[in-house]
C-alpha cells in the first residue's frame, strides 16, 4: 500500500479528526481512510477476520516480559528432595 503525507491541515479539520478517532475508538489513520473512502464514494473493504484467541481478555506479553517472567519463576523448578523422601 502507498503512504500519503498531508501538510498544513487546518486546526479545525485536525481537531475534528481527533474527536472522531476518540469517539469511535479508531486511530486517526483509520478515520482519515474512512473519510476519504466516503468522499470518493468507494466501498468499504471487507473487514478483517476477528482474532480467534483470548489476547483481548488476557493480554499478551512482549518477548522481554516473557523472558523476565520465566527467570523470576525459575526457582520454582527446583525440587526439594527432602520434602519428598
Protein backbone atom coordinates (compact mmCIF):
# COMPACT_ATOMS: atom_id res chain seq x y z
CA UNK A 1 0.00 0.00 0.00
CA UNK A 2 1.05 3.55 -0.62
CA UNK A 3 1.64 6.07 2.16
CA UNK A 4 0.48 9.65 1.86
CA UNK A 5 1.55 12.72 3.84
CA UNK A 6 -0.69 15.77 4.05
CA UNK A 7 0.87 19.05 5.15
CA UNK A 8 -0.68 22.15 6.73
CA UNK A 9 -4.01 20.68 7.80
CA UNK A 10 -6.24 23.36 9.27
CA UNK A 11 -6.68 23.17 13.05
CA UNK A 12 -10.44 22.74 12.69
CA UNK A 13 -10.00 19.67 10.44
CA UNK A 14 -7.31 18.16 12.65
CA UNK A 15 -9.48 18.63 15.74
CA UNK A 16 -12.48 17.03 14.01
CA UNK A 17 -10.37 14.01 13.00
CA UNK A 18 -9.00 13.67 16.54
CA UNK A 19 -12.51 13.92 18.00
CA UNK A 20 -13.87 11.31 15.59
CA UNK A 21 -10.96 8.99 16.37
CA UNK A 22 -11.56 9.38 20.08
CA UNK A 23 -15.33 8.80 19.89
CA UNK A 24 -15.08 5.80 17.54
CA UNK A 25 -12.04 4.21 19.15
CA UNK A 26 -10.28 4.15 15.79
CA UNK A 27 -6.84 5.50 15.02
CA UNK A 28 -6.64 8.85 13.24
CA UNK A 29 -5.22 7.00 10.24
CA UNK A 30 -8.28 4.73 10.01
CA UNK A 31 -10.63 7.70 10.44
CA UNK A 32 -8.96 9.57 7.57
CA UNK A 33 -9.12 6.49 5.33
CA UNK A 34 -12.83 6.04 6.11
CA UNK A 35 -13.49 9.73 5.36
CA UNK A 36 -11.60 9.53 2.08
CA UNK A 37 -13.49 6.39 1.02
CA UNK A 38 -16.79 8.10 1.82
CA UNK A 39 -15.85 11.31 -0.01
CA UNK A 40 -14.67 9.35 -3.05
CA UNK A 41 -17.77 7.12 -2.95
CA UNK A 42 -15.70 3.95 -2.65
CA UNK A 43 -16.94 0.79 -0.98
CA UNK A 44 -15.60 -0.20 2.41
CA UNK A 45 -13.05 -3.01 2.19
CA UNK A 46 -14.02 -6.42 3.51
CA UNK A 47 -13.46 -6.32 7.27
CA UNK A 48 -10.58 -8.29 8.68
CA UNK A 49 -11.43 -11.59 10.30
CA UNK A 50 -11.58 -11.23 14.07
CA UNK A 51 -8.86 -12.89 16.06
CA UNK A 52 -9.85 -16.26 17.43
CA UNK A 53 -7.88 -16.05 20.63
CA UNK A 54 -8.25 -14.59 24.10
CA UNK A 55 -5.50 -11.97 23.80
CA UNK A 56 -8.05 -9.15 24.13
CA UNK A 57 -9.09 -10.56 27.51
CA UNK A 58 -5.84 -11.97 28.83
CA UNK A 59 -3.36 -9.65 27.17
CA UNK A 60 -0.11 -10.56 25.53
CA UNK A 61 3.49 -10.30 26.65
CA UNK A 62 6.44 -8.97 24.77
CA UNK A 63 9.39 -11.33 24.37
CA UNK A 64 11.26 -9.38 27.06
CA UNK A 65 8.34 -9.69 29.51
CA UNK A 66 8.09 -13.43 28.87
CA UNK A 67 11.81 -13.93 29.49
CA UNK A 68 11.66 -11.85 32.69
CA UNK A 69 8.70 -13.88 33.94
CA UNK A 70 10.41 -17.20 33.18
CA UNK A 71 13.53 -16.03 35.01
CA UNK A 72 11.51 -14.93 38.05
CA UNK A 73 9.79 -18.33 38.20
CA UNK A 74 12.90 -20.46 37.68
CA UNK A 75 13.35 -21.02 41.42
CA UNK A 76 10.09 -22.97 41.48
CA UNK A 77 11.53 -25.53 39.06
CA UNK A 78 13.87 -26.85 41.77
CA UNK A 79 12.55 -29.83 43.72
CA UNK A 80 13.43 -30.06 47.41
CA UNK A 81 14.18 -33.77 47.66
CA UNK A 82 13.97 -33.67 51.48
CA UNK A 83 10.27 -32.84 51.26
CA UNK A 84 9.59 -35.89 49.04
CA UNK A 85 11.53 -38.63 50.86
